[in-house]
Amino acid sequence: MSGSGITYTRAVVCLVVLLICAGCAKSVTPPPPPLSAMQREYMQTKELSGDFETVFGSVLSVLQDEGWQIEAVDKSAGLIQASSLKRQALIGPSDDWRGANDPRIREIKQEAAKAENQGLPVRTWTRWEQLTARIEPWGDNTVRTRISIVKCGRL
């Protein structure tokens, strides 16, 4: 009888150890699948009622109101290029898909806090976005506008 009691105890201990190990395992969340070129273009393009002059001026005005730094304007080509202000961040553009509770994000924040507590410099990214707006007449009293934003970063 005592032999089976030891076997039972060993089985319970093994089960507990396995559960603890499973709880410590990191689950890696894969990035979302990339959008196709057609999906991306559809998301970036809108058709607006109005004439080219009004829509072009409106797009330019809204970008300025929203804090974009206008870098180039070519009205004859229907092109506006702008960038956001640069800012510091712990993560780079390739990690934007991760959620706040993602294990990798928590790890980065813990490493930064540890370095800061020790008086060491914290490695941060310089982040900004670059925007390109293309505006073109599209039929009678319709203008097609496509705005694409690219996230940029430097470590």
Protein backbone atom coordinates (compact mmCIF):
# COMPACT_ATOMS: atom_id res chain seq x y z
CA MET A 1 0.00 0.00 0.00
CA SER A 2 2.73 2.44 0.87
CA GLY A 3 4.33 1.94 -2.55
CA SER A 4 1.16 3.06 -4.33
CA GLY A 5 0.92 6.09 -2.02
CA ILE A 6 4.42 7.16 -3.07
CA THR A 7 3.55 6.66 -6.74
CA TYR A 8 0.40 8.76 -6.32
CA THR A 9 2.39 11.49 -4.53
CA ARG A 10 5.02 11.46 -7.27
CA ALA A 11 2.32 11.75 -9.94
CA VAL A 12 0.75 14.73 -8.15
CA VAL A 13 4.15 16.41 -7.73
CA CYS A 14 4.97 15.85 -11.42
CA LEU A 15 1.60 17.27 -12.44
CA VAL A 16 2.12 20.38 -10.28
CA VAL A 17 5.62 20.90 -11.70
CA LEU A 18 4.29 20.58 -15.26
CA LEU A 19 1.52 23.10 -14.56
CA ILE A 20 4.01 25.56 -13.08
CA CYS A 21 6.34 25.17 -16.05
CA ALA A 22 3.46 25.62 -18.48
CA GLY A 23 2.45 28.81 -16.67
CA CYS A 24 5.96 30.23 -17.05
CA ALA A 25 6.23 29.51 -20.76
CA LYS A 26 6.13 32.60 -22.94
CA SER A 27 3.51 32.63 -25.62
CA VAL A 28 4.67 34.45 -28.71
CA THR A 29 1.94 36.27 -30.57
CA PRO A 30 2.68 36.35 -34.29
CA PRO A 31 2.28 39.63 -36.18
CA PRO A 32 -0.91 40.04 -38.17
CA PRO A 33 -0.73 38.98 -41.81
CA PRO A 34 0.35 41.80 -44.14
CA LEU A 35 -2.31 43.57 -46.16
CA SER A 36 -2.37 43.00 -49.88
CA ALA A 37 -1.58 45.97 -52.14
CA MET A 38 -5.27 46.23 -53.08
CA GLN A 39 -6.42 46.18 -49.43
CA ARG A 40 -3.91 48.88 -48.51
CA GLU A 41 -4.89 51.07 -51.48
CA TYR A 42 -8.61 50.71 -50.65
CA MET A 43 -7.97 51.82 -47.06
CA GLN A 44 -5.91 54.82 -48.20
CA THR A 45 -8.22 56.10 -50.97
CA LYS A 46 -11.43 58.12 -50.77
CA GLU A 47 -13.55 59.78 -53.42
CA LEU A 48 -14.88 63.20 -52.45
CA SER A 49 -17.49 65.44 -54.01
CA GLY A 50 -16.13 68.79 -55.09
CA ASP A 51 -13.64 70.42 -57.39
CA PHE A 52 -9.88 69.80 -57.37
CA GLU A 53 -8.96 73.29 -56.08
CA THR A 54 -11.24 73.06 -53.05
CA VAL A 55 -10.25 69.49 -52.10
CA PHE A 56 -6.52 70.14 -52.56
CA GLY A 57 -6.69 73.26 -50.36
CA SER A 58 -8.80 71.44 -47.77
CA VAL A 59 -6.41 68.48 -47.53
CA LEU A 60 -3.46 70.85 -47.10
CA SER A 61 -5.32 72.85 -44.44
CA VAL A 62 -6.37 69.76 -42.46
CA LEU A 63 -2.83 68.37 -42.49
CA GLN A 64 -1.49 71.65 -41.11
CA ASP A 65 -4.27 71.82 -38.49
CA GLU A 66 -3.40 68.28 -37.36
CA GLY A 67 0.25 69.21 -36.80
CA TRP A 68 1.88 67.72 -39.89
CA GLN A 69 5.02 69.54 -41.04
CA ILE A 70 4.52 70.23 -44.75
CA GLU A 71 7.70 69.41 -46.67
CA ALA A 72 6.65 69.63 -50.33
CA VAL A 73 3.60 70.80 -52.25
CA ASP A 74 3.17 70.32 -56.01
CA LYS A 75 -0.34 71.39 -56.90
CA SER A 76 0.05 70.65 -60.61
CA ALA A 77 0.95 67.02 -59.76
CA GLY A 78 -1.64 66.87 -56.96
CA LEU A 79 1.05 65.94 -54.43
CA ILE A 80 1.57 66.90 -50.77
CA GLN A 81 4.37 65.45 -48.64
CA ALA A 82 4.59 65.96 -44.90
CA SER A 83 6.10 64.49 -41.75
CA SER A 84 5.20 64.38 -38.09
CA LEU A 85 7.37 65.74 -35.31
CA LYS A 86 10.05 63.37 -34.08
CA ARG A 87 9.57 61.84 -30.65
CA GLN A 88 11.26 59.32 -28.38
CA ALA A 89 9.78 55.85 -27.77
CA LEU A 90 10.83 52.54 -26.22
CA ILE A 91 9.69 50.48 -29.21
CA GLY A 92 10.32 50.77 -32.92
CA PRO A 93 7.86 50.71 -35.82
CA SER A 94 8.20 46.93 -36.25
CA ASP A 95 6.68 46.37 -32.78
CA ASP A 96 3.60 48.60 -33.23
CA TRP A 97 1.38 45.58 -33.87
CA ARG A 98 2.04 44.29 -30.34
CA GLY A 99 -0.47 45.00 -27.60
CA ALA A 100 0.42 46.75 -24.33
CA ASN A 101 0.28 43.40 -22.50
CA ASP A 102 2.46 41.57 -25.01
CA PRO A 103 5.35 39.79 -23.23
CA ARG A 104 7.95 41.52 -25.44
CA ILE A 105 6.57 45.00 -24.62
CA ARG A 106 6.57 44.20 -20.88
CA GLU A 107 10.15 42.96 -21.19
CA ILE A 108 11.29 46.16 -22.96
CA LYS A 109 9.61 48.33 -20.31
CA GLN A 110 11.17 46.31 -17.47
CA GLU A 111 14.65 46.56 -19.03
CA ALA A 112 14.23 50.33 -19.45
CA ALA A 113 13.06 50.78 -15.85
CA LYS A 114 15.96 48.66 -14.57
CA ALA A 115 18.51 50.70 -16.56
CA GLU A 116 16.94 53.96 -15.38
CA ASN A 117 17.03 52.83 -11.72
CA GLN A 118 20.72 52.01 -12.11
CA GLY A 119 21.42 55.43 -13.63
CA LEU A 120 22.24 53.92 -17.00
CA PRO A 121 21.11 55.46 -20.29
CA VAL A 122 17.93 53.98 -21.72
CA ARG A 123 18.07 53.05 -25.41
CA THR A 124 15.16 54.72 -27.13
CA TRP A 125 13.89 54.98 -30.66
CA THR A 126 13.42 58.25 -32.49
CA ARG A 127 10.02 57.87 -34.15
CA TRP A 128 8.12 59.84 -36.79
CA GLU A 129 5.70 59.35 -39.67
CA GLN A 130 5.97 60.42 -43.30
CA LEU A 131 2.79 61.20 -45.22
CA THR A 132 2.14 61.41 -48.94
CA ALA A 133 -1.20 62.73 -50.24
CA ARG A 134 -2.15 62.36 -53.90
CA ILE A 135 -5.16 64.33 -55.07
CA GLU A 136 -6.58 63.99 -58.60
CA PRO A 137 -9.77 64.89 -60.47
CA TRP A 138 -11.95 61.77 -60.82
CA GLY A 139 -14.99 62.31 -63.00
CA ASP A 140 -17.58 65.09 -62.82
CA ASN A 141 -17.30 67.08 -59.59
CA THR A 142 -15.42 64.21 -57.90
CA VAL A 143 -11.87 64.14 -56.60
CA ARG A 144 -9.95 61.03 -55.62
CA THR A 145 -7.63 61.40 -52.63
CA ARG A 146 -5.10 58.81 -51.52
CA ILE A 147 -3.14 59.34 -48.33
CA SER A 148 -0.42 56.94 -47.24
CA ILE A 149 1.49 57.13 -43.97
CA VAL A 150 4.75 55.33 -43.36
CA LYS A 151 6.03 54.83 -39.81
CA CYS A 152 9.74 55.52 -39.45
CA GLY A 153 12.21 54.99 -36.64
CA ARG A 154 15.88 55.08 -35.76
CA LEU A 155 17.46 53.42 -32.73
